[in-house]
């Protein structure tokens, strides 16, 4: 009887511990999502930097630089980049 009571308590504590860990993980994800939603220009997870045109241009230049010589990409002019930047923003 005493052994099953101890196992039940251990099981209960483990379930509580796991649920607390999952809760904390979800809370941090929700907080990050809210921060990204309130300030989308500065959110960086899997998105373009749209804070300024210069930052956007540098990011586009980085994406056009490739090590593969067979792939030749031409960077659009500043006017075209500015139009794209304004459309995205």
PDB file of N, CA and C in Angstrom:
ATOM      1  N   UNK A   1       0.819  -1.180   0.000  1.00  0.00           N
ATOM      2  CA  UNK A   1       0.000   0.000   0.000  1.00  0.00           C
ATOM      3  C   UNK A   1       0.870   1.254   0.000  1.00  0.00           C
ATOM      4  N   UNK A   2       1.935   1.233   0.784  1.00  0.00           N
ATOM      5  CA  UNK A   2       2.813   2.390   0.866  1.00  0.00           C
ATOM      6  C   UNK A   2       3.585   2.619  -0.426  1.00  0.00           C
ATOM      7  N   UNK A   3       3.941   1.512  -1.112  1.00  0.00           N
ATOM      8  CA  UNK A   3       4.693   1.631  -2.354  1.00  0.00           C
ATOM      9  C   UNK A   3       3.846   2.255  -3.459  1.00  0.00           C
ATOM     10  N   UNK A   4       2.601   1.852  -3.555  1.00  0.00           N
ATOM     11  CA  UNK A   4       1.733   2.403  -4.594  1.00  0.00           C
ATOM     12  C   UNK A   4       1.421   3.871  -4.328  1.00  0.00           C
ATOM     13  N   UNK A   5       1.350   4.228  -3.039  1.00  0.00           N
ATOM     14  CA  UNK A   5       1.106   5.629  -2.704  1.00  0.00           C
ATOM     15  C   UNK A   5       2.298   6.481  -3.136  1.00  0.00           C
ATOM     16  N   UNK A   6       3.513   5.977  -2.908  1.00  0.00           N
ATOM     17  CA  UNK A   6       4.711   6.706  -3.320  1.00  0.00           C
ATOM     18  C   UNK A   6       4.785   6.828  -4.842  1.00  0.00           C
ATOM     19  N   UNK A   7       4.474   5.740  -5.551  1.00  0.00           N
ATOM     20  CA  UNK A   7       4.492   5.784  -7.011  1.00  0.00           C
ATOM     21  C   UNK A   7       3.452   6.766  -7.543  1.00  0.00           C
ATOM     22  N   UNK A   8       2.301   6.804  -6.914  1.00  0.00           N
ATOM     23  CA  UNK A   8       1.249   7.731  -7.328  1.00  0.00           C
ATOM     24  C   UNK A   8       1.693   9.172  -7.118  1.00  0.00           C
ATOM     25  N   UNK A   9       2.340   9.446  -5.997  1.00  0.00           N
ATOM     26  CA  UNK A   9       2.821  10.799  -5.735  1.00  0.00           C
ATOM     27  C   UNK A   9       3.917  11.186  -6.723  1.00  0.00           C
ATOM     28  N   UNK A  10       4.842  10.270  -6.990  1.00  0.00           N
ATOM     29  CA  UNK A  10       5.920  10.554  -7.943  1.00  0.00           C
ATOM     30  C   UNK A  10       5.334  10.829  -9.324  1.00  0.00           C
ATOM     31  N   UNK A  11       4.375  10.004  -9.729  1.00  0.00           N
ATOM     32  CA  UNK A  11       3.723  10.196 -11.022  1.00  0.00           C
ATOM     33  C   UNK A  11       3.025  11.559 -11.074  1.00  0.00           C
ATOM     34  N   UNK A  12       2.334  11.912 -10.019  1.00  0.00           N
ATOM     35  CA  UNK A  12       1.645  13.202  -9.959  1.00  0.00           C
ATOM     36  C   UNK A  12       2.611  14.367 -10.048  1.00  0.00           C
ATOM     37  N   UNK A  13       3.729  14.287  -9.331  1.00  0.00           N
ATOM     38  CA  UNK A  13       4.728  15.351  -9.385  1.00  0.00           C
ATOM     39  C   UNK A  13       5.362  15.454 -10.775  1.00  0.00           C
ATOM     40  N   UNK A  14       5.621  14.318 -11.407  1.00  0.00           N
ATOM     41  CA  UNK A  14       6.195  14.342 -12.755  1.00  0.00           C
ATOM     42  C   UNK A  14       5.235  14.964 -13.765  1.00  0.00           C
ATOM     43  N   UNK A  15       3.959  14.636 -13.647  1.00  0.00           N
ATOM     44  CA  UNK A  15       2.960  15.227 -14.546  1.00  0.00           C
ATOM     45  C   UNK A  15       2.898  16.736 -14.337  1.00  0.00           C
ATOM     46  N   UNK A  16       2.924  17.169 -13.096  1.00  0.00           N
ATOM     47  CA  UNK A  16       2.915  18.607 -12.806  1.00  0.00           C
ATOM     48  C   UNK A  16       4.165  19.292 -13.348  1.00  0.00           C
ATOM     49  N   UNK A  17       5.318  18.663 -13.177  1.00  0.00           N
ATOM     50  CA  UNK A  17       6.567  19.233 -13.665  1.00  0.00           C
ATOM     51  C   UNK A  17       6.552  19.372 -15.185  1.00  0.00           C
ATOM     52  N   UNK A  18       6.106  18.338 -15.865  1.00  0.00           N
ATOM     53  CA  UNK A  18       6.034  18.391 -17.329  1.00  0.00           C
ATOM     54  C   UNK A  18       5.050  19.461 -17.781  1.00  0.00           C
ATOM     55  N   UNK A  19       3.916  19.563 -17.108  1.00  0.00           N
ATOM     56  CA  UNK A  19       2.928  20.570 -17.506  1.00  0.00           C
ATOM     57  C   UNK A  19       3.451  21.985 -17.263  1.00  0.00           C
ATOM     58  N   UNK A  20       4.217  22.193 -16.209  1.00  0.00           N
ATOM     59  CA  UNK A  20       4.806  23.513 -15.951  1.00  0.00           C
ATOM     60  C   UNK A  20       5.832  23.854 -17.027  1.00  0.00           C
ATOM     61  N   UNK A  21       6.650  22.897 -17.423  1.00  0.00           N
ATOM     62  CA  UNK A  21       7.646  23.138 -18.472  1.00  0.00           C
ATOM     63  C   UNK A  21       6.957  23.476 -19.793  1.00  0.00           C
ATOM     64  N   UNK A  22       5.926  22.733 -20.137  1.00  0.00           N
ATOM     65  CA  UNK A  22       5.181  23.010 -21.374  1.00  0.00           C
ATOM     66  C   UNK A  22       4.517  24.379 -21.297  1.00  0.00           C
ATOM     67  N   UNK A  23       3.955  24.722 -20.159  1.00  0.00           N
ATOM     68  CA  UNK A  23       3.315  26.021 -19.977  1.00  0.00           C
ATOM     69  C   UNK A  23       4.317  27.155 -20.166  1.00  0.00           C
ATOM     70  N   UNK A  24       5.492  27.044 -19.553  1.00  0.00           N
ATOM     71  CA  UNK A  24       6.501  28.094 -19.690  1.00  0.00           C
ATOM     72  C   UNK A  24       6.977  28.230 -21.133  1.00  0.00           C
ATOM     73  N   UNK A  25       7.111  27.118 -21.827  1.00  0.00           N
ATOM     74  CA  UNK A  25       7.510  27.165 -23.230  1.00  0.00           C
ATOM     75  C   UNK A  25       6.447  27.868 -24.069  1.00  0.00           C
ATOM     76  N   UNK A  26       5.200  27.560 -23.818  1.00  0.00           N
ATOM     77  CA  UNK A  26       4.109  28.193 -24.564  1.00  0.00           C
ATOM     78  C   UNK A  26       4.012  29.683 -24.250  1.00  0.00           C
ATOM     79  N   UNK A  27       4.213  30.045 -23.009  1.00  0.00           N
ATOM     80  CA  UNK A  27       4.135  31.455 -22.625  1.00  0.00           C
ATOM     81  C   UNK A  27       5.218  32.259 -23.333  1.00  0.00           C
ATOM     82  N   UNK A  28       6.430  31.736 -23.405  1.00  0.00           N
ATOM     83  CA  UNK A  28       7.492  32.475 -24.093  1.00  0.00           C
ATOM     84  C   UNK A  28       7.188  32.604 -25.580  1.00  0.00           C
ATOM     85  N   UNK A  29       6.619  31.576 -26.179  1.00  0.00           N
ATOM     86  CA  UNK A  29       6.246  31.656 -27.594  1.00  0.00           C
ATOM     87  C   UNK A  29       5.153  32.699 -27.811  1.00  0.00           C
ATOM     88  N   UNK A  30       4.188  32.730 -26.914  1.00  0.00           N
ATOM     89  CA  UNK A  30       3.101  33.702 -27.034  1.00  0.00           C
ATOM     90  C   UNK A  30       3.629  35.119 -26.848  1.00  0.00           C
ATOM     91  N   UNK A  31       4.511  35.321 -25.888  1.00  0.00           N
ATOM     92  CA  UNK A  31       5.082  36.651 -25.661  1.00  0.00           C
ATOM     93  C   UNK A  31       5.874  37.105 -26.882  1.00  0.00           C
ATOM     94  N   UNK A  32       6.678  36.222 -27.463  1.00  0.00           N
ATOM     95  CA  UNK A  32       7.429  36.583 -28.670  1.00  0.00           C
ATOM     96  C   UNK A  32       6.495  36.915 -29.828  1.00  0.00           C
ATOM     97  N   UNK A  33       5.407  36.174 -29.970  1.00  0.00           N
ATOM     98  CA  UNK A  33       4.449  36.445 -31.041  1.00  0.00           C
ATOM     99  C   UNK A  33       3.765  37.796 -30.842  1.00  0.00           C
ATOM    100  N   UNK A  34       3.430  38.122 -29.598  1.00  0.00           N
ATOM    101  CA  UNK A  34       2.796  39.412 -29.320  1.00  0.00           C
ATOM    102  C   UNK A  34       3.766  40.554 -29.610  1.00  0.00           C
ATOM    103  N   UNK A  35       5.010  40.401 -29.228  1.00  0.00           N
ATOM    104  CA  UNK A  35       6.013  41.435 -29.498  1.00  0.00           C
ATOM    105  C   UNK A  35       6.193  41.615 -30.996  1.00  0.00           C
ATOM    106  N   UNK A  36       6.262  40.517 -31.738  1.00  0.00           N
ATOM    107  CA  UNK A  36       6.399  40.607 -33.187  1.00  0.00           C
ATOM    108  C   UNK A  36       5.167  41.242 -33.818  1.00  0.00           C
ATOM    109  N   UNK A  37       4.007  40.961 -33.282  1.00  0.00           N
ATOM    110  CA  UNK A  37       2.764  41.511 -33.832  1.00  0.00           C
ATOM    111  C   UNK A  37       2.661  43.009 -33.570  1.00  0.00           C
ATOM    112  N   UNK A  38       3.140  43.467 -32.417  1.00  0.00           N
ATOM    113  CA  UNK A  38       3.041  44.885 -32.095  1.00  0.00           C
ATOM    114  C   UNK A  38       4.088  45.716 -32.819  1.00  0.00           C
ATOM    115  N   UNK A  39       5.215  45.104 -33.192  1.00  0.00           N
ATOM    116  CA  UNK A  39       6.272  45.838 -33.886  1.00  0.00           C
ATOM    117  C   UNK A  39       6.804  44.997 -35.049  1.00  0.00           C
ATOM    118  N   UNK A  40       6.035  44.871 -36.129  1.00  0.00           N
ATOM    119  CA  UNK A  40       6.440  43.971 -37.212  1.00  0.00           C
ATOM    120  C   UNK A  40       7.671  44.444 -37.974  1.00  0.00           C
ATOM    121  N   UNK A  41       7.979  45.730 -37.916  1.00  0.00           N
ATOM    122  CA  UNK A  41       9.151  46.214 -38.650  1.00  0.00           C
ATOM    123  C   UNK A  41      10.454  45.717 -38.052  1.00  0.00           C
ATOM    124  N   UNK A  42      10.439  45.429 -36.767  1.00  0.00           N
ATOM    125  CA  UNK A  42      11.662  44.982 -36.113  1.00  0.00           C
ATOM    126  C   UNK A  42      11.645  43.499 -35.758  1.00  0.00           C
ATOM    127  N   UNK A  43      10.610  42.789 -36.166  1.00  0.00           N
ATOM    128  CA  UNK A  43      10.606  41.347 -35.912  1.00  0.00           C
ATOM    129  C   UNK A  43      11.561  40.691 -36.891  1.00  0.00           C
ATOM    130  N   UNK A  44      12.344  39.743 -36.422  1.00  0.00           N
ATOM    131  CA  UNK A  44      13.410  39.201 -37.262  1.00  0.00           C
ATOM    132  C   UNK A  44      13.278  37.728 -37.553  1.00  0.00           C
ATOM    133  N   UNK A  45      12.339  37.062 -36.946  1.00  0.00           N
ATOM    134  CA  UNK A  45      12.253  35.624 -37.155  1.00  0.00           C
ATOM    135  C   UNK A  45      11.654  35.338 -38.515  1.00  0.00           C
ATOM    136  N   UNK A  46      12.473  34.860 -39.417  1.00  0.00           N
ATOM    137  CA  UNK A  46      12.011  34.438 -40.738  1.00  0.00           C
ATOM    138  C   UNK A  46      11.326  35.557 -41.508  1.00  0.00           C
ATOM    139  N   UNK A  47      11.758  36.785 -41.337  1.00  0.00           N
ATOM    140  CA  UNK A  47      11.163  37.885 -42.076  1.00  0.00           C
ATOM    141  C   UNK A  47      12.246  38.873 -42.478  1.00  0.00           C
ATOM    142  N   UNK A  48      11.887  39.745 -43.390  1.00  0.00           N
ATOM    143  CA  UNK A  48      12.836  40.737 -43.868  1.00  0.00           C
ATOM    144  C   UNK A  48      12.915  41.899 -42.888  1.00  0.00           C
ATOM    145  N   UNK A  49      14.084  42.518 -42.855  1.00  0.00           N
ATOM    146  CA  UNK A  49      14.265  43.709 -42.043  1.00  0.00           C
ATOM    147  C   UNK A  49      13.715  44.900 -42.818  1.00  0.00           C
ATOM    148  N   UNK A  50      12.675  45.538 -42.299  1.00  0.00           N
ATOM    149  CA  UNK A  50      12.057  46.665 -42.983  1.00  0.00           C
ATOM    150  C   UNK A  50      12.170  47.957 -42.183  1.00  0.00           C
ATOM    151  N   UNK A  51      13.115  48.030 -41.267  1.00  0.00           N
ATOM    152  CA  UNK A  51      13.236  49.221 -40.426  1.00  0.00           C
ATOM    153  C   UNK A  51      13.612  50.435 -41.266  1.00  0.00           C
ATOM    154  N   UNK A  52      14.613  50.293 -42.125  1.00  0.00           N
ATOM    155  CA  UNK A  52      15.015  51.372 -43.021  1.00  0.00           C
ATOM    156  C   UNK A  52      15.295  50.790 -44.396  1.00  0.00           C
ATOM    157  N   UNK A  53      15.311  51.673 -45.383  1.00  0.00           N
ATOM    158  CA  UNK A  53      15.585  51.223 -46.749  1.00  0.00           C
ATOM    159  C   UNK A  53      17.005  50.696 -46.873  1.00  0.00           C
ATOM    160  N   UNK A  54      17.951  51.318 -46.174  1.00  0.00           N
ATOM    161  CA  UNK A  54      19.349  50.896 -46.270  1.00  0.00           C
ATOM    162  C   UNK A  54      19.534  49.474 -45.740  1.00  0.00           C
ATOM    163  N   UNK A  55      18.878  49.164 -44.644  1.00  0.00           N
ATOM    164  CA  UNK A  55      18.963  47.811 -44.084  1.00  0.00           C
ATOM    165  C   UNK A  55      18.333  46.813 -45.052  1.00  0.00           C
ATOM    166  N   UNK A  56      17.201  47.188 -45.634  1.00  0.00           N
ATOM    167  CA  UNK A  56      16.537  46.317 -46.610  1.00  0.00           C
ATOM    168  C   UNK A  56      17.441  46.088 -47.817  1.00  0.00           C
ATOM    169  N   UNK A  57      18.096  47.138 -48.284  1.00  0.00           N
ATOM    170  CA  UNK A  57      18.984  47.020 -49.449  1.00  0.00           C
ATOM    171  C   UNK A  57      20.167  46.105 -49.136  1.00  0.00           C
ATOM    172  N   UNK A  58      20.767  46.266 -47.969  1.00  0.00           N
ATOM    173  CA  UNK A  58      21.885  45.393 -47.586  1.00  0.00           C
ATOM    174  C   UNK A  58      21.446  43.939 -47.499  1.00  0.00           C
ATOM    175  N   UNK A  59      20.263  43.713 -46.976  1.00  0.00           N
ATOM    176  CA  UNK A  59      19.758  42.339 -46.884  1.00  0.00           C
ATOM    177  C   UNK A  59      19.536  41.746 -48.273  1.00  0.00           C
ATOM    178  N   UNK A  60      19.029  42.557 -49.185  1.00  0.00           N
ATOM    179  CA  UNK A  60      18.831  42.078 -50.552  1.00  0.00           C
ATOM    180  C   UNK A  60      20.169  41.811 -51.236  1.00  0.00           C
ATOM    181  N   UNK A  61      21.157  42.650 -50.972  1.00  0.00           N
ATOM    182  CA  UNK A  61      22.488  42.441 -51.563  1.00  0.00           C
ATOM    183  C   UNK A  61      23.099  41.140 -51.055  1.00  0.00           C
ATOM    184  N   UNK A  62      22.895  40.839 -49.787  1.00  0.00           N
ATOM    185  CA  UNK A  62      23.408  39.584 -49.233  1.00  0.00           C
ATOM    186  C   UNK A  62      22.744  38.387 -49.897  1.00  0.00           C
ATOM    187  N   UNK A  63      21.450  38.493 -50.170  1.00  0.00           N
ATOM    188  CA  UNK A  63      20.749  37.362 -50.782  1.00  0.00           C
ATOM    189  C   UNK A  63      21.148  37.171 -52.240  1.00  0.00           C
ATOM    190  N   UNK A  64      21.643  38.222 -52.887  1.00  0.00           N
ATOM    191  CA  UNK A  64      22.060  38.107 -54.280  1.00  0.00           C
ATOM    192  C   UNK A  64      23.494  37.608 -54.412  1.00  0.00           C
ATOM    193  N   UNK A  65      24.275  37.682 -53.357  1.00  0.00           N
ATOM    194  CA  UNK A  65      25.649  37.171 -53.401  1.00  0.00           C
ATOM    195  C   UNK A  65      25.627  35.665 -53.204  1.00  0.00           C
ATOM    196  N   UNK A  66      26.053  34.949 -54.232  1.00  0.00           N
ATOM    197  CA  UNK A  66      26.117  33.495 -54.132  1.00  0.00           C
ATOM    198  C   UNK A  66      27.520  33.041 -54.487  1.00  0.00           C
ATOM    199  N   UNK A  67      27.899  31.913 -53.962  1.00  0.00           N
ATOM    200  CA  UNK A  67      29.218  31.345 -54.252  1.00  0.00           C
ATOM    201  C   UNK A  67      29.226  30.617 -55.596  1.00  0.00           C
ATOM    202  N   UNK A  68      28.051  30.241 -56.076  1.00  0.00           N
ATOM    203  CA  UNK A  68      27.954  29.474 -57.310  1.00  0.00           C
ATOM    204  C   UNK A  68      28.101  30.407 -58.516  1.00  0.00           C
ATOM    205  N   UNK A  69      29.143  30.232 -59.340  1.00  0.00           N
ATOM    206  CA  UNK A  69      29.340  31.137 -60.480  1.00  0.00           C
ATOM    207  C   UNK A  69      28.311  30.926 -61.592  1.00  0.00           C
ATOM    208  N   UNK A  70      27.655  29.772 -61.612  1.00  0.00           N
ATOM    209  CA  UNK A  70      26.667  29.514 -62.654  1.00  0.00           C
ATOM    210  C   UNK A  70      25.401  30.343 -62.451  1.00  0.00           C
ATOM    211  N   UNK A  71      25.108  30.630 -61.204  1.00  0.00           N
ATOM    212  CA  UNK A  71      23.917  31.425 -60.902  1.00  0.00           C
ATOM    213  C   UNK A  71      24.327  32.891 -60.903  1.00  0.00           C
ATOM    214  N   UNK A  72      23.845  33.614 -61.902  1.00  0.00           N
ATOM    215  CA  UNK A  72      24.180  35.031 -61.982  1.00  0.00           C
ATOM    216  C   UNK A  72      22.900  35.830 -61.752  1.00  0.00           C
ATOM    217  N   UNK A  73      22.880  36.538 -60.661  1.00  0.00           N
ATOM    218  CA  UNK A  73      21.722  37.363 -60.333  1.00  0.00           C
ATOM    219  C   UNK A  73      22.143  38.820 -60.412  1.00  0.00           C
ATOM    220  N   UNK A  74      21.252  39.627 -60.921  1.00  0.00           N
ATOM    221  CA  UNK A  74      21.518  41.059 -60.972  1.00  0.00           C
ATOM    222  C   UNK A  74      20.632  41.760 -59.952  1.00  0.00           C
ATOM    223  N   UNK A  75      21.261  42.606 -59.170  1.00  0.00           N
ATOM    224  CA  UNK A  75      20.531  43.366 -58.161  1.00  0.00           C
ATOM    225  C   UNK A  75      19.732  44.463 -58.859  1.00  0.00           C
ATOM    226  N   UNK A  76      18.463  44.622 -58.521  1.00  0.00           N
ATOM    227  CA  UNK A  76      17.669  45.703 -59.130  1.00  0.00           C
ATOM    228  C   UNK A  76      18.246  47.067 -58.765  1.00  0.00           C
ATOM    229  N   UNK A  77      17.876  48.065 -59.548  1.00  0.00           N
ATOM    230  CA  UNK A  77      18.364  49.421 -59.283  1.00  0.00           C
ATOM    231  C   UNK A  77      17.765  49.936 -57.974  1.00  0.00           C
ATOM    232  N   UNK A  78      18.334  51.049 -57.500  1.00  0.00           N
ATOM    233  CA  UNK A  78      17.842  51.630 -56.247  1.00  0.00           C
ATOM    234  C   UNK A  78      16.371  52.037 -56.359  1.00  0.00           C
ATOM    235  N   UNK A  79      15.991  52.556 -57.523  1.00  0.00           N
ATOM    236  CA  UNK A  79      14.596  52.975 -57.702  1.00  0.00           C
ATOM    237  C   UNK A  79      13.657  51.769 -57.637  1.00  0.00           C
ATOM    238  N   UNK A  80      14.051  50.672 -58.275  1.00  0.00           N
ATOM    239  CA  UNK A  80      13.224  49.468 -58.230  1.00  0.00           C
ATOM    240  C   UNK A  80      13.165  48.905 -56.812  1.00  0.00           C
ATOM    241  N   UNK A  81      14.320  48.886 -56.137  1.00  0.00           N
ATOM    242  CA  UNK A  81      14.339  48.406 -54.753  1.00  0.00           C
ATOM    243  C   UNK A  81      13.477  49.286 -53.850  1.00  0.00           C
ATOM    244  N   UNK A  82      13.531  50.597 -54.073  1.00  0.00           N
ATOM    245  CA  UNK A  82      12.729  51.527 -53.271  1.00  0.00           C
ATOM    246  C   UNK A  82      11.234  51.260 -53.486  1.00  0.00           C
ATOM    247  N   UNK A  83      10.842  51.013 -54.743  1.00  0.00           N
ATOM    248  CA  UNK A  83       9.434  50.708 -55.027  1.00  0.00           C
ATOM    249  C   UNK A  83       9.005  49.411 -54.349  1.00  0.00           C
ATOM    250  N   UNK A  84       9.848  48.396 -54.419  1.00  0.00           N
ATOM    251  CA  UNK A  84       9.540  47.121 -53.772  1.00  0.00           C
ATOM    252  C   UNK A  84       9.441  47.313 -52.261  1.00  0.00           C
ATOM    253  N   UNK A  85      10.393  48.065 -51.707  1.00  0.00           N
ATOM    254  CA  UNK A  85      10.410  48.325 -50.262  1.00  0.00           C
ATOM    255  C   UNK A  85       9.133  49.045 -49.823  1.00  0.00           C
ATOM    256  N   UNK A  86       8.724  50.053 -50.588  1.00  0.00           N
ATOM    257  CA  UNK A  86       7.504  50.790 -50.239  1.00  0.00           C
ATOM    258  C   UNK A  86       6.262  49.919 -50.374  1.00  0.00           C
ATOM    259  N   UNK A  87       6.242  49.034 -51.372  1.00  0.00           N
ATOM    260  CA  UNK A  87       5.097  48.134 -51.528  1.00  0.00           C
ATOM    261  C   UNK A  87       5.001  47.145 -50.373  1.00  0.00           C
ATOM    262  N   UNK A  88       6.140  46.620 -49.946  1.00  0.00           N
ATOM    263  CA  UNK A  88       6.146  45.655 -48.847  1.00  0.00           C
ATOM    264  C   UNK A  88       5.750  46.324 -47.543  1.00  0.00           C
ATOM    265  N   UNK A  89       6.263  47.494 -47.341  1.00  0.00           N
ATOM    266  CA  UNK A  89       6.018  48.213 -46.103  1.00  0.00           C
ATOM    267  C   UNK A  89       4.590  48.627 -46.021  1.00  0.00           C
TER     268      UNK A  89
END
